[in-house]
Amino acid sequence: MATYTTSFASVSLFHVTALLLLQHSHSSSHNALVAKVCGNVAKHDFCVDALNSDPRTPTADLPGLGVVAIDLLTHYATTARTYIGNLKIVEKCGQRQQYLDICNAYYNELLGLAGSCYGHLKKKDYGAMTAAANAASSDAYDCEATFVSDPCQSSPITFVNQSVANLADIVGAVASILANP
């Protein structure tokens, strides 16, 4: 029972974090830089909402938006990994537990890639930053693909994986713009 309560609290915390991220907290600060970055991703509205959820965005230059985007990716992926671990604790289907283990490995790799983006940004190695962001996005999609043959039911983390992939795409968009001003 205590494990379920802890997991439920973590699940609730995850959903609160997701709602805060997606909320229009600074809609008036939709500046030209945010518009330029978000014009280069498939999920434009998600991008605007995500970047504007951070109070540093209105005064950030392009490298500053890169830091904001990497911070969002790192925070959200860390929260996702914790959520995946908590799902595994309460999961009764053995096959799904294996899928969650696979996803945990993808998220460990993804967090390493996100961390490397800070170094690439600092060194102005935007090609490597783009590659790391693209690989991080692929890790989230690969986690989701793990559940394609799930005998228990569909993926319990589709929203999580899509959100993390979208955040990685924002990091990649910033890197691409920095590489080709």
N, C-alpha and C. Protein backbone atom coordinates (compact mmCIF):
# COMPACT_ATOMS: atom_id res chain seq x y z
N MET A 1 0.82 -1.20 0.00
CA MET A 1 0.00 0.00 0.00
C MET A 1 0.86 1.26 0.00
N ALA A 2 1.92 1.26 0.79
CA ALA A 2 2.79 2.43 0.83
C ALA A 2 3.46 2.66 -0.53
N THR A 3 3.83 1.59 -1.21
CA THR A 3 4.43 1.73 -2.52
C THR A 3 3.46 2.36 -3.50
N TYR A 4 2.20 1.95 -3.46
CA TYR A 4 1.19 2.51 -4.34
C TYR A 4 1.02 4.00 -4.07
N THR A 5 0.98 4.39 -2.78
CA THR A 5 0.82 5.79 -2.42
C THR A 5 1.99 6.61 -2.96
N THR A 6 3.21 6.11 -2.78
CA THR A 6 4.37 6.81 -3.29
C THR A 6 4.29 6.94 -4.81
N SER A 7 3.93 5.87 -5.48
CA SER A 7 3.82 5.90 -6.94
C SER A 7 2.74 6.85 -7.38
N PHE A 8 1.60 6.83 -6.70
CA PHE A 8 0.51 7.72 -7.05
C PHE A 8 0.94 9.16 -6.88
N ALA A 9 1.67 9.45 -5.80
CA ALA A 9 2.14 10.82 -5.59
C ALA A 9 3.10 11.23 -6.70
N SER A 10 3.97 10.32 -7.12
CA SER A 10 4.90 10.63 -8.20
C SER A 10 4.17 10.83 -9.51
N VAL A 11 3.15 10.00 -9.76
CA VAL A 11 2.36 10.14 -10.97
C VAL A 11 1.67 11.50 -10.95
N SER A 12 1.10 11.86 -9.82
CA SER A 12 0.42 13.15 -9.72
C SER A 12 1.40 14.29 -9.91
N LEU A 13 2.59 14.20 -9.32
CA LEU A 13 3.60 15.22 -9.50
C LEU A 13 3.99 15.34 -10.96
N PHE A 14 4.09 14.21 -11.64
CA PHE A 14 4.43 14.22 -13.06
C PHE A 14 3.38 14.98 -13.85
N HIS A 15 2.12 14.71 -13.58
CA HIS A 15 1.05 15.38 -14.32
C HIS A 15 1.00 16.87 -14.01
N VAL A 16 1.27 17.25 -12.77
CA VAL A 16 1.30 18.67 -12.42
C VAL A 16 2.44 19.35 -13.18
N THR A 17 3.61 18.70 -13.23
CA THR A 17 4.74 19.25 -13.96
C THR A 17 4.38 19.44 -15.44
N ALA A 18 3.73 18.43 -16.00
CA ALA A 18 3.35 18.51 -17.41
C ALA A 18 2.38 19.66 -17.65
N LEU A 19 1.41 19.82 -16.77
CA LEU A 19 0.44 20.90 -16.94
C LEU A 19 1.11 22.27 -16.82
N LEU A 20 2.05 22.40 -15.87
CA LEU A 20 2.74 23.67 -15.73
C LEU A 20 3.59 23.99 -16.95
N LEU A 21 4.22 22.96 -17.50
CA LEU A 21 5.04 23.16 -18.69
C LEU A 21 4.21 23.63 -19.86
N LEU A 22 3.03 23.07 -20.01
CA LEU A 22 2.20 23.37 -21.16
C LEU A 22 1.34 24.62 -20.99
N GLN A 23 1.34 25.18 -19.81
CA GLN A 23 0.51 26.34 -19.52
C GLN A 23 1.10 27.60 -20.17
N HIS A 24 0.24 28.48 -20.64
CA HIS A 24 0.70 29.76 -21.19
C HIS A 24 1.01 30.69 -20.03
N SER A 25 2.23 30.62 -19.51
CA SER A 25 2.56 31.43 -18.35
C SER A 25 3.09 32.82 -18.71
N HIS A 26 3.66 32.96 -19.88
CA HIS A 26 4.21 34.24 -20.28
C HIS A 26 3.83 34.53 -21.74
N SER A 27 2.55 34.44 -22.05
CA SER A 27 2.15 34.56 -23.45
C SER A 27 2.51 35.91 -24.06
N SER A 28 2.63 36.94 -23.25
CA SER A 28 2.98 38.24 -23.79
C SER A 28 4.45 38.33 -24.18
N SER A 29 5.26 37.36 -23.76
CA SER A 29 6.69 37.42 -24.06
C SER A 29 7.05 36.60 -25.29
N HIS A 30 6.07 36.30 -26.12
CA HIS A 30 6.32 35.56 -27.35
C HIS A 30 7.10 36.48 -28.28
N ASN A 31 8.41 36.50 -28.08
CA ASN A 31 9.25 37.42 -28.85
C ASN A 31 9.70 36.80 -30.16
N ALA A 32 10.42 37.59 -30.93
CA ALA A 32 10.85 37.16 -32.26
C ALA A 32 11.78 35.95 -32.20
N LEU A 33 12.62 35.86 -31.17
CA LEU A 33 13.53 34.73 -31.04
C LEU A 33 12.77 33.43 -30.78
N VAL A 34 11.79 33.48 -29.91
CA VAL A 34 10.95 32.31 -29.65
C VAL A 34 10.22 31.92 -30.94
N ALA A 35 9.70 32.90 -31.65
CA ALA A 35 9.00 32.62 -32.91
C ALA A 35 9.94 31.97 -33.92
N LYS A 36 11.19 32.45 -33.98
CA LYS A 36 12.16 31.89 -34.93
C LYS A 36 12.47 30.44 -34.57
N VAL A 37 12.74 30.18 -33.29
CA VAL A 37 13.04 28.81 -32.86
C VAL A 37 11.85 27.91 -33.10
N CYS A 38 10.69 28.33 -32.66
CA CYS A 38 9.50 27.49 -32.75
C CYS A 38 9.00 27.32 -34.17
N GLY A 39 9.41 28.20 -35.05
CA GLY A 39 9.08 28.03 -36.46
C GLY A 39 9.87 26.91 -37.11
N ASN A 40 10.83 26.37 -36.39
CA ASN A 40 11.68 25.30 -36.92
C ASN A 40 11.39 23.93 -36.29
N VAL A 41 10.27 23.81 -35.59
CA VAL A 41 9.90 22.52 -35.01
C VAL A 41 8.48 22.15 -35.46
N ALA A 42 8.17 20.88 -35.42
CA ALA A 42 6.85 20.41 -35.85
C ALA A 42 5.74 20.83 -34.90
N LYS A 43 6.03 20.88 -33.62
CA LYS A 43 5.02 21.21 -32.61
C LYS A 43 5.21 22.66 -32.14
N HIS A 44 4.82 23.59 -33.01
CA HIS A 44 5.03 25.01 -32.76
C HIS A 44 4.43 25.48 -31.44
N ASP A 45 3.16 25.19 -31.19
CA ASP A 45 2.50 25.67 -29.98
C ASP A 45 3.14 25.09 -28.73
N PHE A 46 3.50 23.81 -28.77
CA PHE A 46 4.18 23.18 -27.65
C PHE A 46 5.48 23.93 -27.37
N CYS A 47 6.23 24.24 -28.43
CA CYS A 47 7.50 24.94 -28.30
C CYS A 47 7.32 26.31 -27.64
N VAL A 48 6.36 27.07 -28.13
CA VAL A 48 6.11 28.40 -27.56
C VAL A 48 5.74 28.28 -26.09
N ASP A 49 4.85 27.36 -25.77
CA ASP A 49 4.43 27.18 -24.38
C ASP A 49 5.60 26.74 -23.50
N ALA A 50 6.40 25.81 -24.01
CA ALA A 50 7.52 25.30 -23.22
C ALA A 50 8.54 26.40 -22.94
N LEU A 51 8.98 27.09 -23.99
CA LEU A 51 9.97 28.15 -23.78
C LEU A 51 9.43 29.27 -22.91
N ASN A 52 8.18 29.64 -23.12
CA ASN A 52 7.61 30.73 -22.33
C ASN A 52 7.25 30.32 -20.91
N SER A 53 7.36 29.03 -20.59
CA SER A 53 7.13 28.60 -19.21
C SER A 53 8.33 28.94 -18.32
N ASP A 54 9.44 29.33 -18.92
CA ASP A 54 10.65 29.66 -18.15
C ASP A 54 10.80 31.17 -18.05
N PRO A 55 10.99 31.69 -16.85
CA PRO A 55 11.08 33.15 -16.68
C PRO A 55 12.32 33.78 -17.33
N ARG A 56 13.30 32.98 -17.72
CA ARG A 56 14.49 33.54 -18.37
C ARG A 56 14.26 33.86 -19.84
N THR A 57 13.23 33.29 -20.43
CA THR A 57 13.01 33.42 -21.87
C THR A 57 12.88 34.85 -22.36
N PRO A 58 12.10 35.71 -21.72
CA PRO A 58 11.92 37.07 -22.28
C PRO A 58 13.21 37.86 -22.47
N THR A 59 14.23 37.56 -21.67
CA THR A 59 15.47 38.33 -21.78
C THR A 59 16.61 37.52 -22.38
N ALA A 60 16.34 36.30 -22.80
CA ALA A 60 17.40 35.41 -23.30
C ALA A 60 17.78 35.73 -24.74
N ASP A 61 19.07 35.62 -25.01
CA ASP A 61 19.53 35.63 -26.40
C ASP A 61 19.43 34.19 -26.90
N LEU A 62 19.89 33.93 -28.13
CA LEU A 62 19.73 32.59 -28.69
C LEU A 62 20.48 31.53 -27.88
N PRO A 63 21.75 31.75 -27.50
CA PRO A 63 22.40 30.75 -26.64
C PRO A 63 21.67 30.60 -25.30
N GLY A 64 21.13 31.68 -24.78
CA GLY A 64 20.34 31.61 -23.54
C GLY A 64 19.10 30.76 -23.71
N LEU A 65 18.44 30.87 -24.88
CA LEU A 65 17.30 30.00 -25.16
C LEU A 65 17.75 28.55 -25.27
N GLY A 66 18.98 28.35 -25.73
CA GLY A 66 19.53 27.00 -25.77
C GLY A 66 19.64 26.41 -24.37
N VAL A 67 20.12 27.21 -23.43
CA VAL A 67 20.21 26.76 -22.04
C VAL A 67 18.82 26.47 -21.48
N VAL A 68 17.87 27.35 -21.75
CA VAL A 68 16.50 27.14 -21.29
C VAL A 68 15.96 25.83 -21.85
N ALA A 69 16.15 25.61 -23.15
CA ALA A 69 15.64 24.39 -23.79
C ALA A 69 16.30 23.14 -23.21
N ILE A 70 17.60 23.18 -23.01
CA ILE A 70 18.31 22.03 -22.44
C ILE A 70 17.85 21.79 -21.00
N ASP A 71 17.68 22.86 -20.24
CA ASP A 71 17.19 22.72 -18.86
C ASP A 71 15.81 22.07 -18.84
N LEU A 72 14.92 22.52 -19.73
CA LEU A 72 13.58 21.93 -19.79
C LEU A 72 13.65 20.46 -20.16
N LEU A 73 14.46 20.14 -21.16
CA LEU A 73 14.62 18.74 -21.57
C LEU A 73 15.15 17.90 -20.42
N THR A 74 16.18 18.38 -19.76
CA THR A 74 16.79 17.64 -18.66
C THR A 74 15.81 17.43 -17.51
N HIS A 75 15.12 18.49 -17.14
CA HIS A 75 14.15 18.39 -16.04
C HIS A 75 13.02 17.41 -16.38
N TYR A 76 12.47 17.58 -17.56
CA TYR A 76 11.32 16.76 -17.94
C TYR A 76 11.73 15.30 -18.13
N ALA A 77 12.91 15.06 -18.72
CA ALA A 77 13.38 13.68 -18.91
C ALA A 77 13.70 13.02 -17.57
N THR A 78 14.23 13.79 -16.62
CA THR A 78 14.49 13.25 -15.29
C THR A 78 13.18 12.87 -14.61
N THR A 79 12.20 13.73 -14.72
CA THR A 79 10.87 13.45 -14.16
C THR A 79 10.26 12.22 -14.84
N ALA A 80 10.43 12.12 -16.14
CA ALA A 80 9.91 10.98 -16.89
C ALA A 80 10.57 9.68 -16.45
N ARG A 81 11.88 9.72 -16.26
CA ARG A 81 12.59 8.51 -15.82
C ARG A 81 12.09 8.06 -14.44
N THR A 82 11.86 9.01 -13.55
CA THR A 82 11.32 8.67 -12.23
C THR A 82 9.92 8.08 -12.38
N TYR A 83 9.12 8.65 -13.22
CA TYR A 83 7.77 8.16 -13.48
C TYR A 83 7.81 6.73 -14.02
N ILE A 84 8.72 6.48 -14.95
CA ILE A 84 8.86 5.13 -15.52
C ILE A 84 9.25 4.14 -14.42
N GLY A 85 10.17 4.53 -13.56
CA GLY A 85 10.56 3.67 -12.44
C GLY A 85 9.40 3.38 -11.50
N ASN A 86 8.57 4.38 -11.24
CA ASN A 86 7.41 4.18 -10.37
C ASN A 86 6.36 3.30 -11.03
N LEU A 87 6.19 3.44 -12.33
CA LEU A 87 5.26 2.56 -13.04
C LEU A 87 5.71 1.10 -12.93
N LYS A 88 7.00 0.88 -13.02
CA LYS A 88 7.53 -0.48 -12.95
C LYS A 88 7.22 -1.12 -11.60
N ILE A 89 7.27 -0.33 -10.54
CA ILE A 89 7.01 -0.84 -9.19
C ILE A 89 5.59 -1.39 -9.08
N VAL A 90 4.62 -0.71 -9.68
CA VAL A 90 3.22 -1.12 -9.53
C VAL A 90 2.74 -2.01 -10.67
N GLU A 91 3.57 -2.20 -11.69
CA GLU A 91 3.16 -2.97 -12.86
C GLU A 91 3.08 -4.46 -12.52
N LYS A 92 2.00 -5.09 -12.93
CA LYS A 92 1.77 -6.51 -12.68
C LYS A 92 2.16 -7.39 -13.87
N CYS A 93 2.18 -6.84 -15.06
CA CYS A 93 2.49 -7.60 -16.27
C CYS A 93 4.01 -7.66 -16.44
N GLY A 94 4.57 -8.88 -16.39
CA GLY A 94 6.01 -9.06 -16.49
C GLY A 94 6.61 -8.51 -17.77
N GLN A 95 5.91 -8.68 -18.88
CA GLN A 95 6.41 -8.18 -20.16
C GLN A 95 6.52 -6.66 -20.13
N ARG A 96 5.54 -6.01 -19.57
CA ARG A 96 5.57 -4.54 -19.51
C ARG A 96 6.71 -4.08 -18.60
N GLN A 97 6.99 -4.81 -17.53
CA GLN A 97 8.12 -4.45 -16.68
C GLN A 97 9.42 -4.46 -17.49
N GLN A 98 9.55 -5.43 -18.38
CA GLN A 98 10.74 -5.48 -19.24
C GLN A 98 10.78 -4.27 -20.17
N TYR A 99 9.64 -3.90 -20.72
CA TYR A 99 9.58 -2.73 -21.59
C TYR A 99 9.95 -1.46 -20.82
N LEU A 100 9.48 -1.36 -19.60
CA LEU A 100 9.81 -0.20 -18.78
C LEU A 100 11.30 -0.16 -18.46
N ASP A 101 11.91 -1.34 -18.25
CA ASP A 101 13.37 -1.39 -18.05
C ASP A 101 14.10 -0.88 -19.29
N ILE A 102 13.63 -1.28 -20.45
CA ILE A 102 14.23 -0.82 -21.71
C ILE A 102 14.11 0.70 -21.81
N CYS A 103 12.92 1.21 -21.49
CA CYS A 103 12.72 2.66 -21.54
C CYS A 103 13.61 3.38 -20.54
N ASN A 104 13.79 2.80 -19.38
CA ASN A 104 14.67 3.41 -18.38
C ASN A 104 16.08 3.54 -18.96
N ALA A 105 16.54 2.52 -19.67
CA ALA A 105 17.86 2.58 -20.30
C ALA A 105 17.90 3.69 -21.37
N TYR A 106 16.82 3.78 -22.16
CA TYR A 106 16.77 4.86 -23.16
C TYR A 106 16.83 6.23 -22.48
N TYR A 107 16.13 6.39 -21.37
CA TYR A 107 16.13 7.68 -20.68
C TYR A 107 17.47 7.97 -20.01
N ASN A 108 18.18 6.95 -19.55
CA ASN A 108 19.53 7.17 -19.03
C ASN A 108 20.42 7.72 -20.14
N GLU A 109 20.34 7.11 -21.32
CA GLU A 109 21.12 7.59 -22.47
C GLU A 109 20.68 9.00 -22.86
N LEU A 110 19.39 9.22 -22.90
CA LEU A 110 18.83 10.52 -23.28
C LEU A 110 19.34 11.61 -22.35
N LEU A 111 19.38 11.33 -21.05
CA LEU A 111 19.86 12.34 -20.10
C LEU A 111 21.35 12.61 -20.29
N GLY A 112 22.11 11.59 -20.66
CA GLY A 112 23.53 11.82 -21.00
C GLY A 112 23.68 12.71 -22.21
N LEU A 113 22.84 12.47 -23.21
CA LEU A 113 22.87 13.30 -24.42
C LEU A 113 22.47 14.73 -24.11
N ALA A 114 21.44 14.90 -23.28
CA ALA A 114 21.02 16.25 -22.90
C ALA A 114 22.15 16.97 -22.17
N GLY A 115 22.82 16.25 -21.28
CA GLY A 115 23.95 16.83 -20.56
C GLY A 115 25.07 17.25 -21.50
N SER A 116 25.31 16.45 -22.53
CA SER A 116 26.37 16.79 -23.48
C SER A 116 26.01 18.05 -24.28
N CYS A 117 24.75 18.34 -24.41
CA CYS A 117 24.33 19.54 -25.14
C CYS A 117 24.85 20.81 -24.47
N TYR A 118 24.93 20.82 -23.14
CA TYR A 118 25.49 21.98 -22.44
C TYR A 118 26.93 22.23 -22.89
N GLY A 119 27.72 21.16 -22.91
CA GLY A 119 29.12 21.30 -23.33
C GLY A 119 29.26 21.73 -24.78
N HIS A 120 28.44 21.15 -25.64
CA HIS A 120 28.48 21.52 -27.06
C HIS A 120 28.11 22.99 -27.24
N LEU A 121 27.11 23.44 -26.49
CA LEU A 121 26.69 24.85 -26.57
C LEU A 121 27.82 25.76 -26.11
N LYS A 122 28.45 25.40 -25.00
CA LYS A 122 29.54 26.22 -24.47
C LYS A 122 30.72 26.30 -25.44
N LYS A 123 31.02 25.17 -26.10
CA LYS A 123 32.13 25.11 -27.06
C LYS A 123 31.74 25.64 -28.44
N LYS A 124 30.47 25.98 -28.59
CA LYS A 124 29.92 26.44 -29.88
C LYS A 124 30.04 25.35 -30.95
N ASP A 125 29.94 24.10 -30.52
CA ASP A 125 29.94 22.97 -31.44
C ASP A 125 28.48 22.61 -31.74
N TYR A 126 27.86 23.43 -32.58
CA TYR A 126 26.43 23.32 -32.83
C TYR A 126 26.05 22.09 -33.63
N GLY A 127 26.96 21.59 -34.45
CA GLY A 127 26.70 20.35 -35.16
C GLY A 127 26.56 19.18 -34.19
N ALA A 128 27.47 19.11 -33.22
CA ALA A 128 27.40 18.05 -32.21
C ALA A 128 26.18 18.23 -31.33
N MET A 129 25.82 19.48 -31.04
CA MET A 129 24.63 19.75 -30.24
C MET A 129 23.38 19.29 -30.97
N THR A 130 23.32 19.56 -32.27
CA THR A 130 22.18 19.11 -33.08
C THR A 130 22.10 17.59 -33.10
N ALA A 131 23.25 16.94 -33.29
CA ALA A 131 23.28 15.48 -33.32
C ALA A 131 22.83 14.88 -31.98
N ALA A 132 23.29 15.46 -30.88
CA ALA A 132 22.89 14.96 -29.55
C ALA A 132 21.40 15.17 -29.32
N ALA A 133 20.88 16.32 -29.72
CA ALA A 133 19.44 16.58 -29.56
C ALA A 133 18.62 15.61 -30.40
N ASN A 134 19.06 15.37 -31.63
CA ASN A 134 18.35 14.42 -32.49
C ASN A 134 18.38 13.01 -31.91
N ALA A 135 19.52 12.61 -31.36
CA ALA A 135 19.63 11.29 -30.74
C ALA A 135 18.75 11.19 -29.50
N ALA A 136 18.65 12.27 -28.73
CA ALA A 136 17.78 12.28 -27.55
C ALA A 136 16.31 12.12 -27.97
N SER A 137 15.93 12.84 -29.02
CA SER A 137 14.57 12.70 -29.53
C SER A 137 14.31 11.26 -29.98
N SER A 138 15.27 10.68 -30.66
CA SER A 138 15.14 9.28 -31.12
C SER A 138 15.00 8.32 -29.95
N ASP A 139 15.72 8.59 -28.85
CA ASP A 139 15.61 7.72 -27.68
C ASP A 139 14.18 7.73 -27.12
N ALA A 140 13.55 8.90 -27.09
CA ALA A 140 12.16 8.96 -26.61
C ALA A 140 11.23 8.19 -27.54
N TYR A 141 11.43 8.36 -28.84
CA TYR A 141 10.60 7.61 -29.81
C TYR A 141 10.88 6.11 -29.74
N ASP A 142 12.15 5.74 -29.52
CA ASP A 142 12.49 4.32 -29.41
C ASP A 142 11.86 3.70 -28.16
N CYS A 143 11.80 4.47 -27.09
CA CYS A 143 11.12 3.99 -25.88
C CYS A 143 9.66 3.70 -26.22
N GLU A 144 9.02 4.62 -26.89
CA GLU A 144 7.61 4.44 -27.26
C GLU A 144 7.43 3.22 -28.17
N ALA A 145 8.34 3.04 -29.10
CA ALA A 145 8.24 1.91 -30.03
C ALA A 145 8.37 0.57 -29.33
N THR A 146 9.01 0.57 -28.18
CA THR A 146 9.15 -0.66 -27.39
C THR A 146 7.79 -1.28 -27.08
N PHE A 147 6.79 -0.44 -26.93
CA PHE A 147 5.46 -0.91 -26.52
C PHE A 147 4.57 -1.36 -27.67
N VAL A 148 5.07 -1.33 -28.90
CA VAL A 148 4.25 -1.68 -30.06
C VAL A 148 3.66 -3.08 -29.92
N SER A 149 4.43 -4.01 -29.42
CA SER A 149 3.93 -5.39 -29.29
C SER A 149 3.53 -5.73 -27.86
N ASP A 150 3.20 -4.72 -27.06
CA ASP A 150 2.84 -4.93 -25.66
C ASP A 150 1.58 -5.78 -25.55
N PRO A 151 1.69 -6.99 -24.96
CA PRO A 151 0.52 -7.84 -24.82
C PRO A 151 -0.44 -7.35 -23.73
N CYS A 152 0.00 -6.46 -22.89
CA CYS A 152 -0.83 -6.00 -21.76
C CYS A 152 -1.81 -4.92 -22.18
N GLN A 153 -1.37 -3.99 -22.97
CA GLN A 153 -2.17 -2.90 -23.52
C GLN A 153 -1.24 -1.90 -24.17
N SER A 154 -1.74 -0.75 -24.52
CA SER A 154 -0.90 0.24 -25.19
C SER A 154 0.07 0.88 -24.20
N SER A 155 0.97 1.66 -24.73
CA SER A 155 2.00 2.32 -23.93
C SER A 155 1.38 3.20 -22.84
N PRO A 156 1.89 3.08 -21.62
CA PRO A 156 1.39 3.94 -20.55
C PRO A 156 2.10 5.30 -20.51
N ILE A 157 3.04 5.51 -21.43
CA ILE A 157 3.85 6.73 -21.37
C ILE A 157 3.94 7.45 -22.71
N THR A 158 2.94 7.30 -23.54
CA THR A 158 2.96 7.96 -24.85
C THR A 158 3.12 9.47 -24.71
N PHE A 159 2.33 10.09 -23.86
CA PHE A 159 2.39 11.54 -23.66
C PHE A 159 3.78 11.96 -23.18
N VAL A 160 4.35 11.19 -22.28
CA VAL A 160 5.68 11.47 -21.74
C VAL A 160 6.71 11.45 -22.88
N ASN A 161 6.71 10.37 -23.64
CA ASN A 161 7.68 10.23 -24.72
C ASN A 161 7.53 11.31 -25.77
N GLN A 162 6.31 11.65 -26.13
CA GLN A 162 6.09 12.71 -27.12
C GLN A 162 6.58 14.05 -26.60
N SER A 163 6.31 14.34 -25.35
CA SER A 163 6.73 15.62 -24.77
C SER A 163 8.25 15.73 -24.71
N VAL A 164 8.91 14.66 -24.29
CA VAL A 164 10.37 14.68 -24.21
C VAL A 164 10.97 14.81 -25.62
N ALA A 165 10.44 14.08 -26.57
CA ALA A 165 10.93 14.19 -27.95
C ALA A 165 10.73 15.62 -28.47
N ASN A 166 9.60 16.23 -28.17
CA ASN A 166 9.35 17.61 -28.60
C ASN A 166 10.35 18.58 -27.97
N LEU A 167 10.69 18.37 -26.70
CA LEU A 167 11.67 19.24 -26.04
C LEU A 167 13.05 19.05 -26.67
N ALA A 168 13.40 17.82 -26.99
CA ALA A 168 14.69 17.57 -27.67
C ALA A 168 14.70 18.25 -29.03
N ASP A 169 13.57 18.26 -29.71
CA ASP A 169 13.48 18.94 -31.01
C ASP A 169 13.72 20.45 -30.87
N ILE A 170 13.28 21.03 -29.77
CA ILE A 170 13.51 22.46 -29.52
C ILE A 170 15.00 22.71 -29.35
N VAL A 171 15.68 21.85 -28.60
CA VAL A 171 17.13 21.98 -28.43
C VAL A 171 17.81 21.91 -29.80
N GLY A 172 17.38 20.95 -30.62
CA GLY A 172 17.94 20.82 -31.96
C GLY A 172 17.68 22.03 -32.84
N ALA A 173 16.51 22.63 -32.70
CA ALA A 173 16.19 23.83 -33.49
C ALA A 173 17.09 24.99 -33.10
N VAL A 174 17.31 25.17 -31.81
CA VAL A 174 18.22 26.25 -31.36
C VAL A 174 19.61 26.00 -31.93
N ALA A 175 20.08 24.76 -31.83
CA ALA A 175 21.42 24.44 -32.34
C ALA A 175 21.53 24.70 -33.84
N SER A 176 20.50 24.32 -34.58
CA SER A 176 20.50 24.54 -36.03
C SER A 176 20.56 26.02 -36.39
N ILE A 177 19.81 26.82 -35.66
CA ILE A 177 19.80 28.26 -35.91
C ILE A 177 21.17 28.87 -35.55
N LEU A 178 21.74 28.40 -34.43
CA LEU A 178 23.07 28.91 -34.05
C LEU A 178 24.11 28.53 -35.10
N ALA A 179 23.97 27.35 -35.68
CA ALA A 179 24.93 26.89 -36.70
C ALA A 179 24.77 27.66 -38.02
N ASN A 180 23.56 28.10 -38.30
CA ASN A 180 23.25 28.79 -39.56
C ASN A 180 22.47 30.06 -39.28
N PRO A 181 23.14 31.08 -38.72
CA PRO A 181 22.40 32.30 -38.30
C PRO A 181 21.71 33.05 -39.41
